Amino acid sequence: MGLSFSPPALDPAVIRDELNHRDPAVALAVALIAFHALTKSDCRNLRLTDIVDGRLTAGDRDIPLAAPVRTRPAAWLDHRQRRWPSCANPHLLVSRRTAPRLVPVGHNFPWKGITLRPQALREDRILHEIHATGGDVRRICDLFGLSVEGATRYLKTVEHPDLTIEGERVTRA
């Protein structure tokens, strides 16, 4: 029986490759979603002032950035400064089209041309955490800003019969 509600785990090698992408905007966006399960919209709407002293403010969440994420904003900001030295756009991510304006990047930036999809990456992160915590819904809600209903959708994968072998939980890769 296939899992209609649980996507297969993403290949860690693909995630690693995208985390080290030559484009610092891709590396930053992938890191924010892979480690902190931000949404694509969250990434688009982040402002320069949302990352301060190793902490990220995303909506009402105050997130201490994971160590592997911390180098990526600096690399992106260095790139941004070199490419658009006079950029006044307050958004963290900017593109050729948005650098001279005050609007967020388009919906496909920086995802066009890479293997990972932001929603799949976010789901993979949340599923990994729900399995690692043994189904701690409260932790998932606090960590990722999900509602109890949203977290419960992921919880259903923990006890799903296709994810157990002879009574033991199978952990996601």
N, C-alpha and C. Protein backbone atom coordinates (compact mmCIF):
# COMPACT_ATOMS: atom_id res chain seq x y z
N MET A 1 0.85 -1.17 0.00
CA MET A 1 0.00 0.00 0.00
C MET A 1 0.90 1.24 0.00
N GLY A 2 0.67 2.20 -0.91
CA GLY A 2 1.46 3.42 -1.00
C GLY A 2 0.97 4.47 -0.02
N LEU A 3 1.82 5.40 0.27
CA LEU A 3 1.47 6.49 1.17
C LEU A 3 0.94 7.65 0.35
N SER A 4 -0.34 7.92 0.43
CA SER A 4 -0.89 9.02 -0.34
C SER A 4 -0.64 10.36 0.34
N PHE A 5 -0.37 10.36 1.63
CA PHE A 5 -0.20 11.61 2.36
C PHE A 5 1.24 11.87 2.77
N SER A 6 2.13 10.98 2.51
CA SER A 6 3.51 11.15 2.94
C SER A 6 4.45 11.01 1.75
N PRO A 7 5.10 12.09 1.36
CA PRO A 7 6.03 11.99 0.24
C PRO A 7 7.26 11.19 0.62
N PRO A 8 7.91 10.58 -0.35
CA PRO A 8 9.14 9.86 -0.03
C PRO A 8 10.21 10.83 0.45
N ALA A 9 11.12 10.33 1.25
CA ALA A 9 12.21 11.18 1.76
C ALA A 9 13.05 11.67 0.59
N LEU A 10 13.48 12.91 0.70
CA LEU A 10 14.36 13.47 -0.33
C LEU A 10 15.75 12.88 -0.18
N ASP A 11 16.47 12.83 -1.27
CA ASP A 11 17.82 12.31 -1.28
C ASP A 11 18.75 13.31 -0.58
N PRO A 12 19.37 12.91 0.54
CA PRO A 12 20.26 13.83 1.26
C PRO A 12 21.38 14.38 0.39
N ALA A 13 21.85 13.62 -0.59
CA ALA A 13 22.92 14.09 -1.47
C ALA A 13 22.44 15.28 -2.31
N VAL A 14 21.18 15.24 -2.75
CA VAL A 14 20.63 16.34 -3.53
C VAL A 14 20.51 17.58 -2.65
N ILE A 15 20.05 17.40 -1.43
CA ILE A 15 19.93 18.53 -0.50
C ILE A 15 21.31 19.14 -0.24
N ARG A 16 22.30 18.29 0.01
CA ARG A 16 23.67 18.76 0.24
C ARG A 16 24.19 19.56 -0.96
N ASP A 17 23.94 19.03 -2.16
CA ASP A 17 24.39 19.73 -3.37
C ASP A 17 23.77 21.12 -3.47
N GLU A 18 22.47 21.21 -3.20
CA GLU A 18 21.79 22.50 -3.30
C GLU A 18 22.19 23.44 -2.16
N LEU A 19 22.51 22.89 -0.99
CA LEU A 19 23.00 23.72 0.12
C LEU A 19 24.35 24.36 -0.23
N ASN A 20 25.08 23.71 -1.11
CA ASN A 20 26.39 24.21 -1.53
C ASN A 20 26.35 24.75 -2.96
N HIS A 21 25.19 25.15 -3.40
CA HIS A 21 25.01 25.65 -4.77
C HIS A 21 25.90 26.86 -5.02
N ARG A 22 26.35 27.02 -6.24
CA ARG A 22 27.22 28.15 -6.60
C ARG A 22 26.50 29.48 -6.49
N ASP A 23 25.17 29.48 -6.61
CA ASP A 23 24.38 30.70 -6.46
C ASP A 23 24.06 30.86 -4.97
N PRO A 24 24.57 31.89 -4.31
CA PRO A 24 24.34 32.04 -2.87
C PRO A 24 22.88 32.26 -2.51
N ALA A 25 22.05 32.74 -3.42
CA ALA A 25 20.61 32.88 -3.14
C ALA A 25 19.97 31.50 -3.01
N VAL A 26 20.35 30.58 -3.88
CA VAL A 26 19.84 29.21 -3.81
C VAL A 26 20.31 28.56 -2.51
N ALA A 27 21.59 28.67 -2.20
CA ALA A 27 22.13 28.06 -0.98
C ALA A 27 21.41 28.59 0.26
N LEU A 28 21.15 29.89 0.29
CA LEU A 28 20.46 30.49 1.44
C LEU A 28 19.02 30.01 1.54
N ALA A 29 18.28 30.05 0.44
CA ALA A 29 16.87 29.64 0.47
C ALA A 29 16.74 28.17 0.85
N VAL A 30 17.59 27.33 0.28
CA VAL A 30 17.56 25.90 0.61
C VAL A 30 17.87 25.70 2.09
N ALA A 31 18.86 26.39 2.60
CA ALA A 31 19.23 26.25 4.01
C ALA A 31 18.08 26.66 4.93
N LEU A 32 17.43 27.78 4.62
CA LEU A 32 16.33 28.26 5.47
C LEU A 32 15.17 27.27 5.51
N ILE A 33 14.92 26.62 4.39
CA ILE A 33 13.81 25.66 4.37
C ILE A 33 14.27 24.31 4.91
N ALA A 34 15.45 23.85 4.52
CA ALA A 34 15.92 22.53 4.96
C ALA A 34 16.13 22.44 6.46
N PHE A 35 16.58 23.53 7.08
CA PHE A 35 16.86 23.49 8.52
C PHE A 35 15.72 24.05 9.37
N HIS A 36 14.99 25.02 8.84
CA HIS A 36 13.98 25.69 9.66
C HIS A 36 12.57 25.60 9.11
N ALA A 37 12.40 24.86 8.02
CA ALA A 37 11.09 24.60 7.41
C ALA A 37 10.30 25.88 7.12
N LEU A 38 11.01 26.93 6.70
CA LEU A 38 10.28 28.12 6.26
C LEU A 38 9.51 27.76 5.01
N THR A 39 8.51 28.54 4.68
CA THR A 39 7.79 28.34 3.44
C THR A 39 8.46 29.16 2.35
N LYS A 40 8.12 28.86 1.12
CA LYS A 40 8.64 29.64 0.00
C LYS A 40 8.23 31.10 0.16
N SER A 41 7.02 31.32 0.61
CA SER A 41 6.52 32.68 0.83
C SER A 41 7.31 33.37 1.95
N ASP A 42 7.59 32.64 3.02
CA ASP A 42 8.42 33.21 4.10
C ASP A 42 9.74 33.72 3.54
N CYS A 43 10.39 32.90 2.72
CA CYS A 43 11.69 33.27 2.14
C CYS A 43 11.57 34.51 1.27
N ARG A 44 10.55 34.55 0.43
CA ARG A 44 10.34 35.70 -0.46
C ARG A 44 10.16 36.99 0.32
N ASN A 45 9.50 36.92 1.44
CA ASN A 45 9.11 38.12 2.18
C ASN A 45 10.06 38.52 3.29
N LEU A 46 11.13 37.76 3.50
CA LEU A 46 12.10 38.14 4.53
C LEU A 46 12.72 39.49 4.19
N ARG A 47 12.93 40.28 5.22
CA ARG A 47 13.57 41.60 5.07
C ARG A 47 15.01 41.51 5.57
N LEU A 48 15.79 42.44 5.15
CA LEU A 48 17.19 42.49 5.60
C LEU A 48 17.29 42.53 7.11
N THR A 49 16.34 43.15 7.76
CA THR A 49 16.35 43.30 9.22
C THR A 49 15.82 42.07 9.95
N ASP A 50 15.42 41.03 9.23
CA ASP A 50 14.88 39.83 9.86
C ASP A 50 15.95 38.86 10.35
N ILE A 51 17.19 39.07 9.94
CA ILE A 51 18.30 38.23 10.45
C ILE A 51 19.27 39.15 11.17
N VAL A 52 19.36 38.94 12.48
CA VAL A 52 20.23 39.75 13.32
C VAL A 52 20.88 38.86 14.37
N ASP A 53 22.20 38.95 14.48
CA ASP A 53 22.94 38.21 15.51
C ASP A 53 22.62 36.72 15.54
N GLY A 54 22.55 36.11 14.37
CA GLY A 54 22.32 34.67 14.31
C GLY A 54 20.90 34.25 14.62
N ARG A 55 19.98 35.19 14.60
CA ARG A 55 18.57 34.89 14.86
C ARG A 55 17.74 35.39 13.69
N LEU A 56 16.72 34.63 13.38
CA LEU A 56 15.82 34.96 12.28
C LEU A 56 14.43 35.23 12.84
N THR A 57 13.84 36.32 12.41
CA THR A 57 12.44 36.60 12.74
C THR A 57 11.63 36.32 11.49
N ALA A 58 10.74 35.35 11.57
CA ALA A 58 9.86 35.00 10.45
C ALA A 58 8.44 34.99 10.99
N GLY A 59 7.69 36.03 10.65
CA GLY A 59 6.35 36.15 11.22
C GLY A 59 6.47 36.36 12.71
N ASP A 60 5.80 35.52 13.49
CA ASP A 60 5.88 35.64 14.95
C ASP A 60 6.88 34.65 15.55
N ARG A 61 7.68 34.01 14.70
CA ARG A 61 8.69 33.06 15.17
C ARG A 61 10.04 33.74 15.30
N ASP A 62 10.72 33.50 16.41
CA ASP A 62 12.08 33.95 16.63
C ASP A 62 12.94 32.70 16.62
N ILE A 63 13.76 32.54 15.58
CA ILE A 63 14.46 31.29 15.33
C ILE A 63 15.97 31.47 15.44
N PRO A 64 16.61 30.74 16.37
CA PRO A 64 18.08 30.75 16.37
C PRO A 64 18.54 29.95 15.14
N LEU A 65 19.34 30.56 14.30
CA LEU A 65 19.77 29.89 13.08
C LEU A 65 20.70 28.72 13.38
N ALA A 66 20.45 27.62 12.71
CA ALA A 66 21.31 26.44 12.82
C ALA A 66 22.70 26.81 12.30
N ALA A 67 23.71 26.20 12.86
CA ALA A 67 25.10 26.51 12.49
C ALA A 67 25.33 26.44 10.98
N PRO A 68 24.84 25.41 10.27
CA PRO A 68 25.09 25.36 8.82
C PRO A 68 24.38 26.49 8.05
N VAL A 69 23.40 27.12 8.65
CA VAL A 69 22.67 28.20 7.98
C VAL A 69 23.40 29.52 8.13
N ARG A 70 24.09 29.70 9.21
CA ARG A 70 24.67 31.00 9.58
C ARG A 70 25.62 31.60 8.55
N THR A 71 26.36 30.80 7.82
CA THR A 71 27.30 31.35 6.84
C THR A 71 26.62 31.81 5.56
N ARG A 72 25.47 31.27 5.29
CA ARG A 72 24.81 31.54 4.02
C ARG A 72 24.25 32.95 3.88
N PRO A 73 23.66 33.55 4.92
CA PRO A 73 23.22 34.95 4.76
C PRO A 73 24.39 35.89 4.45
N ALA A 74 25.53 35.68 5.10
CA ALA A 74 26.68 36.53 4.85
C ALA A 74 27.18 36.38 3.41
N ALA A 75 27.23 35.15 2.92
CA ALA A 75 27.67 34.91 1.54
C ALA A 75 26.71 35.58 0.56
N TRP A 76 25.40 35.45 0.84
CA TRP A 76 24.41 36.08 -0.03
C TRP A 76 24.52 37.61 0.02
N LEU A 77 24.66 38.16 1.20
CA LEU A 77 24.73 39.62 1.32
C LEU A 77 26.00 40.18 0.66
N ASP A 78 27.10 39.45 0.75
CA ASP A 78 28.33 39.86 0.05
C ASP A 78 28.08 39.88 -1.46
N HIS A 79 27.46 38.83 -1.95
CA HIS A 79 27.13 38.73 -3.38
C HIS A 79 26.18 39.86 -3.80
N ARG A 80 25.16 40.06 -3.01
CA ARG A 80 24.17 41.11 -3.29
C ARG A 80 24.85 42.48 -3.36
N GLN A 81 25.73 42.77 -2.42
CA GLN A 81 26.42 44.06 -2.37
C GLN A 81 27.33 44.26 -3.59
N ARG A 82 28.01 43.18 -3.99
CA ARG A 82 28.88 43.29 -5.17
C ARG A 82 28.06 43.49 -6.45
N ARG A 83 26.96 42.77 -6.55
CA ARG A 83 26.16 42.81 -7.78
C ARG A 83 25.30 44.07 -7.89
N TRP A 84 24.72 44.50 -6.77
CA TRP A 84 23.83 45.67 -6.76
C TRP A 84 24.25 46.60 -5.63
N PRO A 85 25.35 47.30 -5.77
CA PRO A 85 25.87 48.12 -4.66
C PRO A 85 24.92 49.23 -4.21
N SER A 86 24.04 49.68 -5.05
CA SER A 86 23.12 50.76 -4.69
C SER A 86 21.72 50.26 -4.37
N CYS A 87 21.57 48.96 -4.18
CA CYS A 87 20.25 48.37 -3.96
C CYS A 87 19.61 48.89 -2.68
N ALA A 88 18.40 49.41 -2.82
CA ALA A 88 17.67 49.91 -1.66
C ALA A 88 16.49 49.00 -1.31
N ASN A 89 16.36 47.89 -2.01
CA ASN A 89 15.26 46.96 -1.75
C ASN A 89 15.42 46.40 -0.34
N PRO A 90 14.38 46.50 0.52
CA PRO A 90 14.49 46.04 1.90
C PRO A 90 14.40 44.53 2.07
N HIS A 91 14.06 43.81 1.01
CA HIS A 91 13.92 42.35 1.10
C HIS A 91 15.29 41.68 1.11
N LEU A 92 15.40 40.59 1.84
CA LEU A 92 16.66 39.86 1.92
C LEU A 92 17.06 39.34 0.53
N LEU A 93 16.13 38.65 -0.12
CA LEU A 93 16.41 38.13 -1.45
C LEU A 93 15.97 39.14 -2.50
N VAL A 94 16.85 39.41 -3.43
CA VAL A 94 16.51 40.26 -4.57
C VAL A 94 17.03 39.60 -5.83
N SER A 95 16.48 40.01 -6.94
CA SER A 95 16.90 39.49 -8.24
C SER A 95 17.21 40.66 -9.16
N ARG A 96 17.62 40.34 -10.35
CA ARG A 96 17.91 41.37 -11.34
C ARG A 96 16.70 42.29 -11.52
N ARG A 97 15.51 41.73 -11.48
CA ARG A 97 14.28 42.51 -11.68
C ARG A 97 13.87 43.31 -10.44
N THR A 98 14.13 42.76 -9.26
CA THR A 98 13.64 43.44 -8.05
C THR A 98 14.67 44.31 -7.36
N ALA A 99 15.95 44.15 -7.69
CA ALA A 99 16.99 44.95 -7.03
C ALA A 99 16.73 46.45 -7.13
N PRO A 100 16.30 46.97 -8.29
CA PRO A 100 16.07 48.41 -8.36
C PRO A 100 14.68 48.85 -7.86
N ARG A 101 13.91 47.91 -7.34
CA ARG A 101 12.56 48.23 -6.87
C ARG A 101 12.44 47.89 -5.39
N LEU A 102 11.25 48.04 -4.85
CA LEU A 102 11.03 47.77 -3.42
C LEU A 102 10.07 46.60 -3.21
N VAL A 103 10.05 45.67 -4.13
CA VAL A 103 9.12 44.54 -4.09
C VAL A 103 9.88 43.25 -3.83
N PRO A 104 9.18 42.22 -3.32
CA PRO A 104 9.85 40.92 -3.13
C PRO A 104 10.14 40.25 -4.47
N VAL A 105 11.00 39.27 -4.44
CA VAL A 105 11.32 38.50 -5.65
C VAL A 105 10.08 37.75 -6.11
N GLY A 106 10.10 37.28 -7.34
CA GLY A 106 9.00 36.50 -7.89
C GLY A 106 8.89 35.13 -7.23
N HIS A 107 7.80 34.47 -7.49
CA HIS A 107 7.51 33.18 -6.85
C HIS A 107 8.51 32.08 -7.21
N ASN A 108 9.15 32.18 -8.36
CA ASN A 108 10.08 31.13 -8.78
C ASN A 108 11.53 31.41 -8.40
N PHE A 109 11.79 32.52 -7.76
CA PHE A 109 13.17 32.85 -7.38
C PHE A 109 13.46 32.31 -6.00
N PRO A 110 14.54 31.64 -5.80
CA PRO A 110 15.61 31.23 -6.71
C PRO A 110 15.47 29.78 -7.16
N TRP A 111 14.26 29.27 -7.20
CA TRP A 111 13.99 27.85 -7.41
C TRP A 111 14.05 27.38 -8.85
N LYS A 112 13.95 28.30 -9.79
CA LYS A 112 13.95 27.91 -11.19
C LYS A 112 15.31 27.33 -11.57
N GLY A 113 15.27 26.16 -12.18
CA GLY A 113 16.51 25.54 -12.64
C GLY A 113 17.21 24.64 -11.63
N ILE A 114 16.61 24.45 -10.45
CA ILE A 114 17.23 23.51 -9.50
C ILE A 114 16.30 22.32 -9.28
N THR A 115 16.84 21.27 -8.71
CA THR A 115 16.11 20.02 -8.54
C THR A 115 15.06 20.08 -7.44
N LEU A 116 15.40 20.68 -6.32
CA LEU A 116 14.50 20.68 -5.16
C LEU A 116 13.33 21.64 -5.34
N ARG A 117 12.20 21.23 -4.81
CA ARG A 117 11.02 22.10 -4.74
C ARG A 117 10.87 22.51 -3.28
N PRO A 118 10.59 23.78 -3.02
CA PRO A 118 10.55 24.24 -1.62
C PRO A 118 9.51 23.52 -0.77
N GLN A 119 8.34 23.21 -1.31
CA GLN A 119 7.31 22.53 -0.51
C GLN A 119 7.77 21.12 -0.13
N ALA A 120 8.38 20.42 -1.07
CA ALA A 120 8.88 19.06 -0.78
C ALA A 120 9.99 19.12 0.27
N LEU A 121 10.84 20.11 0.17
CA LEU A 121 11.93 20.27 1.13
C LEU A 121 11.38 20.57 2.53
N ARG A 122 10.38 21.44 2.60
CA ARG A 122 9.74 21.77 3.88
C ARG A 122 9.08 20.53 4.49
N GLU A 123 8.32 19.81 3.69
CA GLU A 123 7.65 18.60 4.19
C GLU A 123 8.67 17.57 4.67
N ASP A 124 9.75 17.42 3.94
CA ASP A 124 10.79 16.47 4.32
C ASP A 124 11.37 16.84 5.69
N ARG A 125 11.62 18.14 5.90
CA ARG A 125 12.17 18.61 7.18
C ARG A 125 11.21 18.33 8.33
N ILE A 126 9.94 18.64 8.11
CA ILE A 126 8.94 18.44 9.17
C ILE A 126 8.77 16.95 9.45
N LEU A 127 8.69 16.14 8.41
CA LEU A 127 8.56 14.69 8.60
C LEU A 127 9.76 14.11 9.34
N HIS A 128 10.94 14.58 8.99
CA HIS A 128 12.14 14.11 9.69
C HIS A 128 12.04 14.43 11.18
N GLU A 129 11.61 15.64 11.51
CA GLU A 129 11.52 16.04 12.92
C GLU A 129 10.42 15.29 13.65
N ILE A 130 9.28 15.07 13.01
CA ILE A 130 8.18 14.36 13.69
C ILE A 130 8.60 12.93 14.00
N HIS A 131 9.37 12.31 13.11
CA HIS A 131 9.85 10.95 13.37
C HIS A 131 10.97 10.95 14.41
N ALA A 132 11.84 11.96 14.36
CA ALA A 132 12.95 12.03 15.33
C ALA A 132 12.45 12.26 16.75
N THR A 133 11.31 12.94 16.89
CA THR A 133 10.78 13.22 18.23
C THR A 133 9.74 12.20 18.67
N GLY A 134 9.51 11.19 17.86
CA GLY A 134 8.52 10.18 18.21
C GLY A 134 7.09 10.72 18.17
N GLY A 135 6.88 11.78 17.42
CA GLY A 135 5.53 12.30 17.26
C GLY A 135 5.16 13.41 18.23
N ASP A 136 6.11 14.18 18.68
CA ASP A 136 5.85 15.26 19.63
C ASP A 136 5.22 16.46 18.90
N VAL A 137 3.89 16.48 18.87
CA VAL A 137 3.14 17.50 18.14
C VAL A 137 3.43 18.90 18.69
N ARG A 138 3.51 19.03 19.97
CA ARG A 138 3.77 20.35 20.57
C ARG A 138 5.12 20.91 20.09
N ARG A 139 6.11 20.04 20.06
CA ARG A 139 7.43 20.48 19.59
C ARG A 139 7.37 20.92 18.13
N ILE A 140 6.65 20.17 17.31
CA ILE A 140 6.53 20.50 15.89
C ILE A 140 5.81 21.84 15.72
N CYS A 141 4.76 22.06 16.49
CA CYS A 141 4.03 23.33 16.44
C CYS A 141 4.96 24.49 16.82
N ASP A 142 5.69 24.32 17.91
CA ASP A 142 6.59 25.38 18.38
C ASP A 142 7.76 25.61 17.42
N LEU A 143 8.33 24.53 16.93
CA LEU A 143 9.51 24.62 16.09
C LEU A 143 9.22 25.21 14.72
N PHE A 144 8.08 24.85 14.14
CA PHE A 144 7.81 25.24 12.76
C PHE A 144 6.61 26.17 12.60
N GLY A 145 5.99 26.56 13.71
CA GLY A 145 4.87 27.48 13.62
C GLY A 145 3.63 26.87 13.01
N LEU A 146 3.50 25.55 13.12
CA LEU A 146 2.32 24.87 12.58
C LEU A 146 1.18 24.90 13.58
N SER A 147 -0.03 24.79 13.07
CA SER A 147 -1.18 24.61 13.95
C SER A 147 -1.18 23.15 14.42
N VAL A 148 -1.95 22.85 15.44
CA VAL A 148 -2.06 21.46 15.92
C VAL A 148 -2.60 20.59 14.79
N GLU A 149 -3.57 21.11 14.05
CA GLU A 149 -4.14 20.35 12.92
C GLU A 149 -3.08 20.07 11.86
N GLY A 150 -2.26 21.07 11.56
CA GLY A 150 -1.20 20.88 10.57
C GLY A 150 -0.16 19.87 11.03
N ALA A 151 0.23 19.96 12.29
CA ALA A 151 1.23 19.03 12.83
C ALA A 151 0.68 17.61 12.90
N THR A 152 -0.61 17.48 13.18
CA THR A 152 -1.24 16.17 13.27
C THR A 152 -1.21 15.45 11.93
N ARG A 153 -1.27 16.20 10.85
CA ARG A 153 -1.18 15.59 9.51
C ARG A 153 0.16 14.86 9.38
N TYR A 154 1.22 15.45 9.90
CA TYR A 154 2.52 14.81 9.84
C TYR A 154 2.62 13.68 10.86
N LEU A 155 1.98 13.84 12.00
CA LEU A 155 1.99 12.81 13.05
C LEU A 155 1.44 11.48 12.54
N LYS A 156 0.46 11.54 11.65
CA LYS A 156 -0.15 10.31 11.13
C LYS A 156 0.87 9.42 10.44
N THR A 157 1.99 9.97 10.01
CA THR A 157 3.00 9.14 9.36
C THR A 157 3.78 8.30 10.37
N VAL A 158 3.84 8.73 11.62
CA VAL A 158 4.63 8.02 12.63
C VAL A 158 4.09 6.62 12.88
N GLU A 159 2.79 6.48 12.99
CA GLU A 159 2.18 5.19 13.29
C GLU A 159 1.65 4.48 12.05
N HIS A 160 1.92 5.01 10.87
CA HIS A 160 1.39 4.40 9.65
C HIS A 160 1.99 3.02 9.47
N PRO A 161 1.17 2.00 9.14
CA PRO A 161 1.67 0.63 9.02
C PRO A 161 2.75 0.46 7.96
N ASP A 162 2.75 1.29 6.92
CA ASP A 162 3.79 1.17 5.91
C ASP A 162 5.14 1.66 6.40
N LEU A 163 5.16 2.33 7.54
CA LEU A 163 6.42 2.85 8.08
C LEU A 163 6.89 2.07 9.30
N THR A 164 6.35 0.87 9.50
CA THR A 164 6.80 0.02 10.60
C THR A 164 7.21 -1.34 10.05
N ILE A 165 8.18 -1.94 10.70
CA ILE A 165 8.62 -3.29 10.34
C ILE A 165 8.60 -4.10 11.61
N GLU A 166 7.75 -5.13 11.63
CA GLU A 166 7.65 -6.02 12.78
C GLU A 166 7.59 -5.25 14.09
N GLY A 167 6.71 -4.24 14.12
CA GLY A 167 6.46 -3.51 15.36
C GLY A 167 7.46 -2.41 15.67
N GLU A 168 8.49 -2.22 14.86
CA GLU A 168 9.47 -1.16 15.12
C GLU A 168 9.30 -0.06 14.09
N ARG A 169 9.50 1.16 14.54
CA ARG A 169 9.41 2.31 13.64
C ARG A 169 10.58 2.32 12.67
N VAL A 170 10.27 2.68 11.45
CA VAL A 170 11.30 2.89 10.44
C VAL A 170 11.59 4.37 10.41
N THR A 171 12.86 4.72 10.54
CA THR A 171 13.20 6.14 10.50
C THR A 171 13.47 6.55 9.07
N ARG A 172 13.14 7.80 8.79
CA ARG A 172 13.36 8.34 7.45
C ARG A 172 14.84 8.63 7.27
N ALA A 173 15.33 8.44 6.08
CA ALA A 173 16.74 8.72 5.79
C ALA A 173 17.04 10.20 5.88
